[in-house]
Amino acid sequence: RNPGWAHDYPNADENFTRILDEVTLIDVNNDGTNVIDAEDPELHRYPIAYVSEPGEWSPTQQEIDNLSDYLFKGGFLILDDFRSDYEWRTVEEIFRMIAPGHRFRVLNIDEPIFDSFFDIATLDMIPPTFQQFVPVFLGLHENNDPTARLMVIANFNNDIGDYWEYSDRGYVPIELSNEAYKFGVNYVIYAMNR
């Protein structure tokens, strides 16, 4: 099996960018996607980064420093495909180093990110795998201010990328894949407009 970051790659990325291209006016590069190491300064060229399986991540100090700089200079990070108390504690510990003094908070349906393009009606989502876990959406805001820019969204106990990955194969119901695409499109539109 591929490393955690590659579990949904490249199908999820390709399917998602096709949807993004179809439903928005964003000039999407459909010729491929970029896999960038968290310590690479090239990360700063991209306003949005997607991290799969952050609950198994052990970042280096250089990765921590680069991600901190990236987020506080306006970057937006999507964390996806992780679950369990152990993985959540891992993510919290990583972000204590990346964004000292900042804490994740549970997001509710009234957050601007959930109606930045599509009006998402509910956060009650059935995860594509490990359905014993209840998905929770958490956010890390600039200066811990819920009215400030959201820097990180965490799809905890969920794997939206799986819905994207398998949407063209008939493995998951169309309605659930469509909802997952709505979340992703909203994340991008939110990040590009904040």
N, C-alpha and C. Protein backbone atom coordinates (compact mmCIF):
# COMPACT_ATOMS: atom_id res chain seq x y z
N ARG A 1 0.86 -1.20 0.00
CA ARG A 1 0.00 0.00 0.00
C ARG A 1 0.89 1.24 0.00
N ASN A 2 0.46 2.25 -0.69
CA ASN A 2 1.21 3.51 -0.77
C ASN A 2 1.23 4.22 0.57
N PRO A 3 2.14 5.19 0.74
CA PRO A 3 2.13 5.97 1.98
C PRO A 3 0.81 6.71 2.14
N GLY A 4 0.49 7.13 3.38
CA GLY A 4 -0.79 7.76 3.69
C GLY A 4 -1.20 8.86 2.75
N TRP A 5 -0.26 9.72 2.39
CA TRP A 5 -0.62 10.85 1.52
C TRP A 5 -1.08 10.39 0.15
N ALA A 6 -0.72 9.17 -0.24
CA ALA A 6 -1.01 8.71 -1.59
C ALA A 6 -2.21 7.77 -1.67
N HIS A 7 -2.91 7.54 -0.56
CA HIS A 7 -4.01 6.58 -0.61
C HIS A 7 -5.09 6.96 -1.61
N ASP A 8 -5.44 8.21 -1.71
CA ASP A 8 -6.49 8.65 -2.64
C ASP A 8 -5.91 9.22 -3.93
N TYR A 9 -4.61 9.31 -4.00
CA TYR A 9 -3.91 9.96 -5.10
C TYR A 9 -3.67 8.96 -6.23
N PRO A 10 -3.80 9.32 -7.48
CA PRO A 10 -4.17 10.63 -7.99
C PRO A 10 -5.67 10.78 -8.29
N ASN A 11 -6.44 9.69 -8.13
CA ASN A 11 -7.85 9.73 -8.57
C ASN A 11 -8.66 10.80 -7.86
N ALA A 12 -8.53 10.91 -6.54
CA ALA A 12 -9.31 11.92 -5.81
C ALA A 12 -8.97 13.32 -6.31
N ASP A 13 -7.69 13.60 -6.47
CA ASP A 13 -7.26 14.92 -6.93
C ASP A 13 -7.80 15.22 -8.32
N GLU A 14 -7.68 14.25 -9.21
CA GLU A 14 -8.12 14.46 -10.59
C GLU A 14 -9.63 14.63 -10.67
N ASN A 15 -10.37 13.80 -9.95
CA ASN A 15 -11.84 13.92 -9.97
C ASN A 15 -12.28 15.24 -9.36
N PHE A 16 -11.65 15.62 -8.25
CA PHE A 16 -12.05 16.87 -7.59
C PHE A 16 -11.75 18.08 -8.48
N THR A 17 -10.58 18.11 -9.10
CA THR A 17 -10.26 19.28 -9.94
C THR A 17 -11.19 19.36 -11.16
N ARG A 18 -11.63 18.21 -11.67
CA ARG A 18 -12.60 18.24 -12.77
C ARG A 18 -13.91 18.88 -12.31
N ILE A 19 -14.38 18.50 -11.13
CA ILE A 19 -15.63 19.08 -10.60
C ILE A 19 -15.43 20.58 -10.36
N LEU A 20 -14.31 20.94 -9.76
CA LEU A 20 -14.02 22.35 -9.48
C LEU A 20 -14.03 23.16 -10.78
N ASP A 21 -13.47 22.59 -11.82
CA ASP A 21 -13.43 23.24 -13.12
C ASP A 21 -14.84 23.39 -13.72
N GLU A 22 -15.67 22.40 -13.52
CA GLU A 22 -17.02 22.41 -14.09
C GLU A 22 -17.96 23.38 -13.39
N VAL A 23 -17.85 23.51 -12.07
CA VAL A 23 -18.86 24.28 -11.33
C VAL A 23 -18.43 25.68 -10.94
N THR A 24 -17.16 26.02 -11.12
CA THR A 24 -16.68 27.35 -10.75
C THR A 24 -16.02 28.02 -11.95
N LEU A 25 -15.64 29.26 -11.78
CA LEU A 25 -14.90 29.99 -12.80
C LEU A 25 -13.39 29.97 -12.53
N ILE A 26 -12.97 29.16 -11.58
CA ILE A 26 -11.54 29.04 -11.27
C ILE A 26 -10.84 28.38 -12.46
N ASP A 27 -9.71 28.93 -12.84
CA ASP A 27 -8.91 28.38 -13.92
C ASP A 27 -8.11 27.20 -13.36
N VAL A 28 -8.66 26.02 -13.48
CA VAL A 28 -8.08 24.82 -12.88
C VAL A 28 -7.13 24.15 -13.86
N ASN A 29 -5.97 23.74 -13.36
CA ASN A 29 -5.03 22.98 -14.17
C ASN A 29 -5.43 21.51 -14.10
N ASN A 30 -5.99 21.00 -15.16
CA ASN A 30 -6.43 19.60 -15.19
C ASN A 30 -5.37 18.66 -15.76
N ASP A 31 -4.16 19.16 -15.95
CA ASP A 31 -3.09 18.34 -16.50
C ASP A 31 -2.36 17.52 -15.45
N GLY A 32 -2.75 17.67 -14.20
CA GLY A 32 -2.09 16.93 -13.14
C GLY A 32 -2.14 17.71 -11.85
N THR A 33 -1.64 17.11 -10.82
CA THR A 33 -1.62 17.77 -9.52
C THR A 33 -0.19 17.81 -9.01
N ASN A 34 0.03 18.54 -7.95
CA ASN A 34 1.37 18.68 -7.39
C ASN A 34 1.45 17.99 -6.04
N VAL A 35 2.48 17.21 -5.86
CA VAL A 35 2.77 16.62 -4.56
C VAL A 35 4.00 17.35 -4.05
N ILE A 36 3.81 18.09 -2.96
CA ILE A 36 4.88 18.94 -2.45
C ILE A 36 5.16 18.57 -1.00
N ASP A 37 6.41 18.38 -0.69
CA ASP A 37 6.80 18.09 0.69
C ASP A 37 6.53 19.31 1.55
N ALA A 38 6.11 19.09 2.77
CA ALA A 38 5.76 20.20 3.67
C ALA A 38 6.93 21.13 3.96
N GLU A 39 8.15 20.67 3.76
CA GLU A 39 9.30 21.53 4.03
C GLU A 39 9.74 22.33 2.79
N ASP A 40 9.15 22.04 1.65
CA ASP A 40 9.55 22.67 0.39
C ASP A 40 9.01 24.11 0.32
N PRO A 41 9.88 25.10 0.09
CA PRO A 41 9.42 26.49 -0.05
C PRO A 41 8.40 26.67 -1.18
N GLU A 42 8.37 25.76 -2.15
CA GLU A 42 7.41 25.85 -3.25
C GLU A 42 5.96 25.81 -2.74
N LEU A 43 5.74 25.25 -1.56
CA LEU A 43 4.40 25.21 -0.97
C LEU A 43 3.77 26.60 -0.95
N HIS A 44 4.58 27.63 -0.75
CA HIS A 44 4.08 29.00 -0.65
C HIS A 44 3.52 29.54 -1.97
N ARG A 45 3.74 28.83 -3.06
CA ARG A 45 3.18 29.23 -4.35
C ARG A 45 1.70 28.86 -4.47
N TYR A 46 1.21 28.06 -3.54
CA TYR A 46 -0.15 27.53 -3.63
C TYR A 46 -0.97 27.98 -2.43
N PRO A 47 -2.15 28.54 -2.67
CA PRO A 47 -2.95 29.07 -1.55
C PRO A 47 -3.62 27.99 -0.71
N ILE A 48 -3.72 26.78 -1.26
CA ILE A 48 -4.43 25.70 -0.57
C ILE A 48 -3.59 24.43 -0.65
N ALA A 49 -3.51 23.73 0.48
CA ALA A 49 -2.82 22.44 0.51
C ALA A 49 -3.73 21.42 1.19
N TYR A 50 -3.64 20.19 0.72
CA TYR A 50 -4.47 19.09 1.21
C TYR A 50 -3.54 18.06 1.82
N VAL A 51 -3.83 17.65 3.06
CA VAL A 51 -3.01 16.66 3.75
C VAL A 51 -3.89 15.46 4.07
N SER A 52 -3.50 14.30 3.57
CA SER A 52 -4.22 13.06 3.84
C SER A 52 -3.51 12.30 4.96
N GLU A 53 -4.28 11.75 5.86
CA GLU A 53 -3.79 10.96 7.00
C GLU A 53 -2.80 11.72 7.89
N PRO A 54 -3.16 12.90 8.36
CA PRO A 54 -2.26 13.63 9.25
C PRO A 54 -2.11 12.98 10.63
N GLY A 55 -2.98 12.06 10.98
CA GLY A 55 -2.90 11.39 12.27
C GLY A 55 -1.73 10.43 12.38
N GLU A 56 -1.08 10.15 11.27
CA GLU A 56 0.10 9.26 11.25
C GLU A 56 1.37 10.03 10.90
N TRP A 57 1.29 11.33 10.94
CA TRP A 57 2.37 12.19 10.48
C TRP A 57 3.35 12.49 11.61
N SER A 58 4.62 12.51 11.29
CA SER A 58 5.68 12.93 12.22
C SER A 58 6.53 13.97 11.50
N PRO A 59 6.08 15.23 11.50
CA PRO A 59 6.81 16.25 10.73
C PRO A 59 8.17 16.59 11.34
N THR A 60 9.08 16.95 10.46
CA THR A 60 10.39 17.43 10.90
C THR A 60 10.25 18.88 11.36
N GLN A 61 11.27 19.39 12.01
CA GLN A 61 11.24 20.79 12.43
C GLN A 61 11.16 21.72 11.23
N GLN A 62 11.83 21.35 10.15
CA GLN A 62 11.78 22.18 8.93
C GLN A 62 10.36 22.21 8.36
N GLU A 63 9.67 21.07 8.39
CA GLU A 63 8.27 21.03 7.92
C GLU A 63 7.37 21.88 8.82
N ILE A 64 7.57 21.78 10.12
CA ILE A 64 6.79 22.58 11.08
C ILE A 64 6.99 24.06 10.82
N ASP A 65 8.25 24.46 10.66
CA ASP A 65 8.55 25.88 10.44
C ASP A 65 7.95 26.38 9.13
N ASN A 66 8.07 25.59 8.07
CA ASN A 66 7.56 26.01 6.77
C ASN A 66 6.03 26.08 6.78
N LEU A 67 5.38 25.11 7.40
CA LEU A 67 3.91 25.14 7.48
C LEU A 67 3.42 26.30 8.33
N SER A 68 4.12 26.60 9.40
CA SER A 68 3.75 27.74 10.24
C SER A 68 3.82 29.02 9.42
N ASP A 69 4.91 29.20 8.73
CA ASP A 69 5.09 30.37 7.87
C ASP A 69 4.00 30.42 6.80
N TYR A 70 3.73 29.29 6.19
CA TYR A 70 2.71 29.18 5.14
C TYR A 70 1.34 29.62 5.66
N LEU A 71 0.93 29.08 6.80
CA LEU A 71 -0.40 29.39 7.34
C LEU A 71 -0.52 30.84 7.76
N PHE A 72 0.50 31.37 8.44
CA PHE A 72 0.40 32.74 8.94
C PHE A 72 0.62 33.79 7.85
N LYS A 73 1.04 33.34 6.66
CA LYS A 73 1.13 34.25 5.51
C LYS A 73 -0.07 34.09 4.58
N GLY A 74 -1.11 33.38 5.04
CA GLY A 74 -2.34 33.30 4.26
C GLY A 74 -2.68 31.96 3.67
N GLY A 75 -1.83 30.96 3.83
CA GLY A 75 -2.12 29.63 3.29
C GLY A 75 -3.30 28.98 4.01
N PHE A 76 -3.91 28.02 3.35
CA PHE A 76 -5.06 27.30 3.89
C PHE A 76 -4.79 25.81 3.77
N LEU A 77 -5.05 25.08 4.83
CA LEU A 77 -4.73 23.66 4.89
C LEU A 77 -6.00 22.85 5.15
N ILE A 78 -6.18 21.80 4.37
CA ILE A 78 -7.28 20.85 4.55
C ILE A 78 -6.68 19.55 5.08
N LEU A 79 -7.15 19.11 6.24
CA LEU A 79 -6.73 17.84 6.82
C LEU A 79 -7.86 16.83 6.62
N ASP A 80 -7.53 15.67 6.08
CA ASP A 80 -8.57 14.70 5.75
C ASP A 80 -8.06 13.29 6.02
N ASP A 81 -8.99 12.37 6.17
CA ASP A 81 -8.70 10.95 6.29
C ASP A 81 -7.92 10.63 7.57
N PHE A 82 -8.55 10.94 8.69
CA PHE A 82 -7.99 10.51 9.97
C PHE A 82 -9.11 10.37 10.98
N ARG A 83 -8.87 9.49 11.94
CA ARG A 83 -9.91 9.17 12.91
C ARG A 83 -9.26 8.59 14.16
N SER A 84 -10.00 8.53 15.22
CA SER A 84 -9.63 7.95 16.52
C SER A 84 -8.99 9.00 17.42
N ASP A 85 -9.12 8.76 18.70
CA ASP A 85 -8.54 9.68 19.69
C ASP A 85 -7.03 9.79 19.52
N TYR A 86 -6.38 8.67 19.24
CA TYR A 86 -4.93 8.68 19.06
C TYR A 86 -4.53 9.62 17.92
N GLU A 87 -5.20 9.48 16.78
CA GLU A 87 -4.84 10.32 15.63
C GLU A 87 -5.18 11.79 15.89
N TRP A 88 -6.27 12.05 16.61
CA TRP A 88 -6.59 13.44 16.93
C TRP A 88 -5.53 14.05 17.84
N ARG A 89 -5.09 13.29 18.85
CA ARG A 89 -4.04 13.80 19.74
C ARG A 89 -2.76 14.09 18.95
N THR A 90 -2.44 13.25 17.99
CA THR A 90 -1.26 13.47 17.14
C THR A 90 -1.39 14.79 16.39
N VAL A 91 -2.55 15.02 15.77
CA VAL A 91 -2.78 16.26 15.01
C VAL A 91 -2.71 17.47 15.94
N GLU A 92 -3.34 17.39 17.10
CA GLU A 92 -3.28 18.51 18.05
C GLU A 92 -1.84 18.83 18.45
N GLU A 93 -1.07 17.80 18.71
CA GLU A 93 0.33 18.01 19.12
C GLU A 93 1.13 18.66 17.98
N ILE A 94 0.92 18.21 16.77
CA ILE A 94 1.61 18.80 15.61
C ILE A 94 1.27 20.29 15.50
N PHE A 95 0.00 20.62 15.65
CA PHE A 95 -0.41 22.01 15.46
C PHE A 95 -0.09 22.89 16.66
N ARG A 96 0.20 22.30 17.81
CA ARG A 96 0.74 23.10 18.92
C ARG A 96 2.12 23.64 18.55
N MET A 97 2.84 22.87 17.71
CA MET A 97 4.16 23.31 17.26
C MET A 97 4.05 24.25 16.05
N ILE A 98 3.12 23.97 15.15
CA ILE A 98 2.96 24.79 13.95
C ILE A 98 2.35 26.15 14.30
N ALA A 99 1.36 26.15 15.18
CA ALA A 99 0.63 27.39 15.53
C ALA A 99 0.52 27.49 17.05
N PRO A 100 1.63 27.80 17.72
CA PRO A 100 1.61 27.87 19.19
C PRO A 100 0.52 28.80 19.70
N GLY A 101 -0.18 28.34 20.72
CA GLY A 101 -1.23 29.14 21.33
C GLY A 101 -2.57 29.04 20.63
N HIS A 102 -2.61 28.42 19.48
CA HIS A 102 -3.86 28.26 18.73
C HIS A 102 -4.46 26.90 19.04
N ARG A 103 -5.77 26.84 19.08
CA ARG A 103 -6.48 25.60 19.38
C ARG A 103 -7.61 25.39 18.37
N PHE A 104 -7.79 24.14 18.00
CA PHE A 104 -8.91 23.79 17.14
C PHE A 104 -10.21 23.95 17.90
N ARG A 105 -11.25 24.30 17.17
CA ARG A 105 -12.58 24.33 17.76
C ARG A 105 -13.54 23.64 16.81
N VAL A 106 -14.58 23.05 17.39
CA VAL A 106 -15.60 22.38 16.58
C VAL A 106 -16.38 23.44 15.80
N LEU A 107 -16.52 23.20 14.51
CA LEU A 107 -17.25 24.12 13.64
C LEU A 107 -18.72 23.73 13.58
N ASN A 108 -19.58 24.71 13.39
CA ASN A 108 -21.00 24.43 13.24
C ASN A 108 -21.45 24.85 11.84
N ILE A 109 -22.66 24.53 11.50
CA ILE A 109 -23.18 24.74 10.15
C ILE A 109 -23.23 26.22 9.76
N ASP A 110 -23.20 27.12 10.74
CA ASP A 110 -23.30 28.55 10.45
C ASP A 110 -21.97 29.19 10.03
N GLU A 111 -20.90 28.41 9.98
CA GLU A 111 -19.59 28.96 9.61
C GLU A 111 -19.60 29.40 8.14
N PRO A 112 -18.91 30.50 7.83
CA PRO A 112 -18.86 30.99 6.44
C PRO A 112 -18.36 29.96 5.43
N ILE A 113 -17.50 29.05 5.86
CA ILE A 113 -16.95 28.07 4.92
C ILE A 113 -18.01 27.11 4.39
N PHE A 114 -19.09 26.95 5.14
CA PHE A 114 -20.12 25.99 4.73
C PHE A 114 -21.19 26.60 3.83
N ASP A 115 -21.05 27.87 3.50
CA ASP A 115 -21.94 28.45 2.49
C ASP A 115 -21.18 29.41 1.57
N SER A 116 -19.89 29.15 1.39
CA SER A 116 -19.07 30.02 0.55
C SER A 116 -19.37 29.85 -0.94
N PHE A 117 -19.96 28.74 -1.32
CA PHE A 117 -20.38 28.50 -2.71
C PHE A 117 -21.70 27.72 -2.69
N PHE A 118 -21.63 26.49 -2.21
CA PHE A 118 -22.85 25.70 -2.00
C PHE A 118 -23.35 25.97 -0.59
N ASP A 119 -24.65 25.93 -0.42
CA ASP A 119 -25.25 26.05 0.91
C ASP A 119 -25.37 24.64 1.48
N ILE A 120 -24.40 24.26 2.29
CA ILE A 120 -24.41 22.92 2.88
C ILE A 120 -25.46 22.89 3.98
N ALA A 121 -26.37 21.95 3.89
CA ALA A 121 -27.53 21.91 4.80
C ALA A 121 -27.23 21.27 6.14
N THR A 122 -26.29 20.34 6.17
CA THR A 122 -26.01 19.63 7.42
C THR A 122 -24.56 19.16 7.44
N LEU A 123 -24.02 19.06 8.64
CA LEU A 123 -22.69 18.50 8.82
C LEU A 123 -22.76 17.03 9.20
N ASP A 124 -23.97 16.51 9.30
CA ASP A 124 -24.16 15.09 9.58
C ASP A 124 -23.86 14.31 8.31
N MET A 125 -22.71 13.70 8.29
CA MET A 125 -22.22 13.04 7.09
C MET A 125 -21.88 11.60 7.43
N ILE A 126 -22.16 10.70 6.53
CA ILE A 126 -21.78 9.30 6.71
C ILE A 126 -20.38 9.14 6.13
N PRO A 127 -19.41 8.73 6.96
CA PRO A 127 -18.06 8.55 6.41
C PRO A 127 -18.03 7.35 5.46
N PRO A 128 -17.18 7.39 4.44
CA PRO A 128 -17.14 6.30 3.47
C PRO A 128 -16.56 5.01 4.05
N THR A 129 -15.73 5.15 5.07
CA THR A 129 -15.13 3.99 5.74
C THR A 129 -15.20 4.23 7.24
N PHE A 130 -14.97 3.20 8.01
CA PHE A 130 -14.95 3.31 9.48
C PHE A 130 -16.20 4.03 9.98
N GLN A 131 -17.35 3.50 9.61
CA GLN A 131 -18.60 4.17 9.90
C GLN A 131 -18.98 4.17 11.37
N GLN A 132 -18.18 3.53 12.21
CA GLN A 132 -18.43 3.60 13.65
C GLN A 132 -18.03 4.97 14.22
N PHE A 133 -17.30 5.76 13.44
CA PHE A 133 -16.89 7.09 13.88
C PHE A 133 -17.86 8.14 13.35
N VAL A 134 -18.11 9.15 14.16
CA VAL A 134 -19.00 10.25 13.77
C VAL A 134 -18.12 11.41 13.28
N PRO A 135 -18.29 11.83 12.03
CA PRO A 135 -17.48 12.94 11.52
C PRO A 135 -17.69 14.24 12.30
N VAL A 136 -16.58 14.94 12.49
CA VAL A 136 -16.57 16.24 13.16
C VAL A 136 -15.70 17.16 12.31
N PHE A 137 -16.16 18.37 12.11
CA PHE A 137 -15.39 19.36 11.36
C PHE A 137 -14.82 20.35 12.37
N LEU A 138 -13.50 20.48 12.37
CA LEU A 138 -12.83 21.37 13.31
C LEU A 138 -12.01 22.40 12.54
N GLY A 139 -11.86 23.56 13.15
CA GLY A 139 -11.12 24.62 12.49
C GLY A 139 -10.10 25.26 13.40
N LEU A 140 -9.05 25.76 12.79
CA LEU A 140 -8.01 26.52 13.48
C LEU A 140 -8.02 27.92 12.87
N HIS A 141 -8.41 28.89 13.69
CA HIS A 141 -8.54 30.27 13.22
C HIS A 141 -7.33 31.11 13.60
N GLU A 142 -7.06 32.08 12.77
CA GLU A 142 -6.02 33.06 13.07
C GLU A 142 -6.34 33.73 14.40
N ASN A 143 -5.36 33.81 15.28
CA ASN A 143 -5.48 34.43 16.60
C ASN A 143 -6.57 33.81 17.47
N ASN A 144 -6.94 32.56 17.20
CA ASN A 144 -8.01 31.88 17.95
C ASN A 144 -9.31 32.65 17.93
N ASP A 145 -9.50 33.48 16.94
CA ASP A 145 -10.70 34.31 16.84
C ASP A 145 -11.65 33.68 15.83
N PRO A 146 -12.81 33.18 16.28
CA PRO A 146 -13.74 32.52 15.37
C PRO A 146 -14.26 33.42 14.25
N THR A 147 -14.09 34.73 14.38
CA THR A 147 -14.50 35.63 13.30
C THR A 147 -13.34 35.93 12.34
N ALA A 148 -12.16 35.48 12.70
CA ALA A 148 -10.98 35.71 11.85
C ALA A 148 -10.87 34.60 10.80
N ARG A 149 -9.87 34.72 9.97
CA ARG A 149 -9.64 33.76 8.89
C ARG A 149 -9.42 32.35 9.43
N LEU A 150 -10.11 31.41 8.83
CA LEU A 150 -9.89 30.00 9.11
C LEU A 150 -8.64 29.58 8.34
N MET A 151 -7.64 29.07 9.06
CA MET A 151 -6.38 28.67 8.43
C MET A 151 -6.36 27.18 8.10
N VAL A 152 -7.03 26.38 8.93
CA VAL A 152 -7.02 24.93 8.78
C VAL A 152 -8.42 24.40 9.00
N ILE A 153 -8.86 23.51 8.14
CA ILE A 153 -10.09 22.75 8.41
C ILE A 153 -9.71 21.28 8.50
N ALA A 154 -10.24 20.63 9.53
CA ALA A 154 -9.95 19.22 9.77
C ALA A 154 -11.23 18.41 9.60
N ASN A 155 -11.22 17.51 8.64
CA ASN A 155 -12.33 16.57 8.44
C ASN A 155 -12.05 15.35 9.32
N PHE A 156 -12.28 15.48 10.60
CA PHE A 156 -11.94 14.42 11.56
C PHE A 156 -13.00 13.32 11.54
N ASN A 157 -12.56 12.08 11.69
CA ASN A 157 -13.42 10.90 11.62
C ASN A 157 -14.11 10.82 10.26
N ASN A 158 -13.41 11.24 9.24
CA ASN A 158 -14.00 11.30 7.92
C ASN A 158 -12.91 11.10 6.87
N ASP A 159 -13.33 10.92 5.64
CA ASP A 159 -12.40 10.78 4.52
C ASP A 159 -13.11 11.26 3.26
N ILE A 160 -13.22 12.56 3.14
CA ILE A 160 -13.90 13.15 1.99
C ILE A 160 -13.18 12.77 0.70
N GLY A 161 -11.86 12.63 0.77
CA GLY A 161 -11.08 12.23 -0.40
C GLY A 161 -11.49 10.88 -0.96
N ASP A 162 -11.95 9.96 -0.10
CA ASP A 162 -12.43 8.67 -0.60
C ASP A 162 -13.67 8.85 -1.48
N TYR A 163 -14.55 9.73 -1.07
CA TYR A 163 -15.73 10.00 -1.91
C TYR A 163 -15.31 10.53 -3.27
N TRP A 164 -14.32 11.43 -3.29
CA TRP A 164 -13.84 11.96 -4.56
C TRP A 164 -13.19 10.85 -5.39
N GLU A 165 -12.35 10.05 -4.70
CA GLU A 165 -11.60 9.01 -5.39
C GLU A 165 -12.51 8.02 -6.11
N TYR A 166 -13.56 7.61 -5.44
CA TYR A 166 -14.41 6.54 -5.98
C TYR A 166 -15.68 7.04 -6.65
N SER A 167 -15.83 8.34 -6.80
CA SER A 167 -17.08 8.89 -7.34
C SER A 167 -17.37 8.45 -8.77
N ASP A 168 -16.33 8.14 -9.52
CA ASP A 168 -16.55 7.74 -10.92
C ASP A 168 -16.54 6.23 -11.10
N ARG A 169 -16.58 5.49 -10.00
CA ARG A 169 -16.51 4.03 -10.09
C ARG A 169 -17.76 3.31 -9.58
N GLY A 170 -18.70 4.07 -9.03
CA GLY A 170 -19.92 3.46 -8.55
C GLY A 170 -19.79 2.75 -7.22
N TYR A 171 -18.70 2.98 -6.48
CA TYR A 171 -18.52 2.33 -5.18
C TYR A 171 -19.33 3.00 -4.07
N VAL A 172 -19.62 4.26 -4.25
CA VAL A 172 -20.35 5.01 -3.22
C VAL A 172 -21.56 5.68 -3.86
N PRO A 173 -22.62 5.89 -3.08
CA PRO A 173 -23.81 6.54 -3.65
C PRO A 173 -23.50 7.94 -4.18
N ILE A 174 -24.13 8.27 -5.29
CA ILE A 174 -23.91 9.56 -5.94
C ILE A 174 -24.20 10.72 -4.99
N GLU A 175 -25.27 10.59 -4.20
CA GLU A 175 -25.65 11.68 -3.29
C GLU A 175 -24.52 11.98 -2.30
N LEU A 176 -23.87 10.93 -1.80
CA LEU A 176 -22.80 11.14 -0.83
C LEU A 176 -21.55 11.74 -1.49
N SER A 177 -21.23 11.27 -2.69
CA SER A 177 -20.10 11.86 -3.42
C SER A 177 -20.37 13.32 -3.73
N ASN A 178 -21.58 13.62 -4.15
CA ASN A 178 -21.93 15.02 -4.45
C ASN A 178 -21.77 15.90 -3.22
N GLU A 179 -22.19 15.42 -2.06
CA GLU A 179 -22.03 16.20 -0.83
C GLU A 179 -20.54 16.43 -0.53
N ALA A 180 -19.74 15.40 -0.72
CA ALA A 180 -18.29 15.54 -0.48
C ALA A 180 -17.68 16.57 -1.42
N TYR A 181 -18.12 16.58 -2.66
CA TYR A 181 -17.63 17.60 -3.60
C TYR A 181 -18.04 18.99 -3.15
N LYS A 182 -19.24 19.13 -2.63
CA LYS A 182 -19.70 20.44 -2.15
C LYS A 182 -18.79 20.96 -1.04
N PHE A 183 -18.41 20.08 -0.12
CA PHE A 183 -17.49 20.50 0.94
C PHE A 183 -16.17 20.97 0.33
N GLY A 184 -15.61 20.18 -0.57
CA GLY A 184 -14.34 20.55 -1.18
C GLY A 184 -14.39 21.85 -1.95
N VAL A 185 -15.43 22.03 -2.75
CA VAL A 185 -15.58 23.28 -3.51
C VAL A 185 -15.70 24.45 -2.54
N ASN A 186 -16.48 24.30 -1.50
CA ASN A 186 -16.62 25.37 -0.51
C ASN A 186 -15.28 25.70 0.14
N TYR A 187 -14.49 24.68 0.45
CA TYR A 187 -13.18 24.93 1.07
C TYR A 187 -12.33 25.80 0.15
N VAL A 188 -12.30 25.45 -1.13
CA VAL A 188 -11.47 26.20 -2.08
C VAL A 188 -11.98 27.63 -2.24
N ILE A 189 -13.27 27.80 -2.43
CA ILE A 189 -13.83 29.14 -2.60
C ILE A 189 -13.59 29.98 -1.35
N TYR A 190 -13.79 29.40 -0.19
CA TYR A 190 -13.53 30.12 1.06
C TYR A 190 -12.07 30.57 1.12
N ALA A 191 -11.16 29.64 0.88
CA ALA A 191 -9.73 29.95 0.99
C ALA A 191 -9.29 31.00 -0.02
N MET A 192 -9.88 31.01 -1.19
CA MET A 192 -9.49 31.97 -2.23
C MET A 192 -10.07 33.36 -1.99
N ASN A 193 -11.02 33.47 -1.09
CA ASN A 193 -11.69 34.75 -0.86
C ASN A 193 -11.48 35.32 0.53
N ARG A 194 -10.60 34.76 1.31
CA ARG A 194 -10.37 35.27 2.67
C ARG A 194 -9.02 35.91 2.77
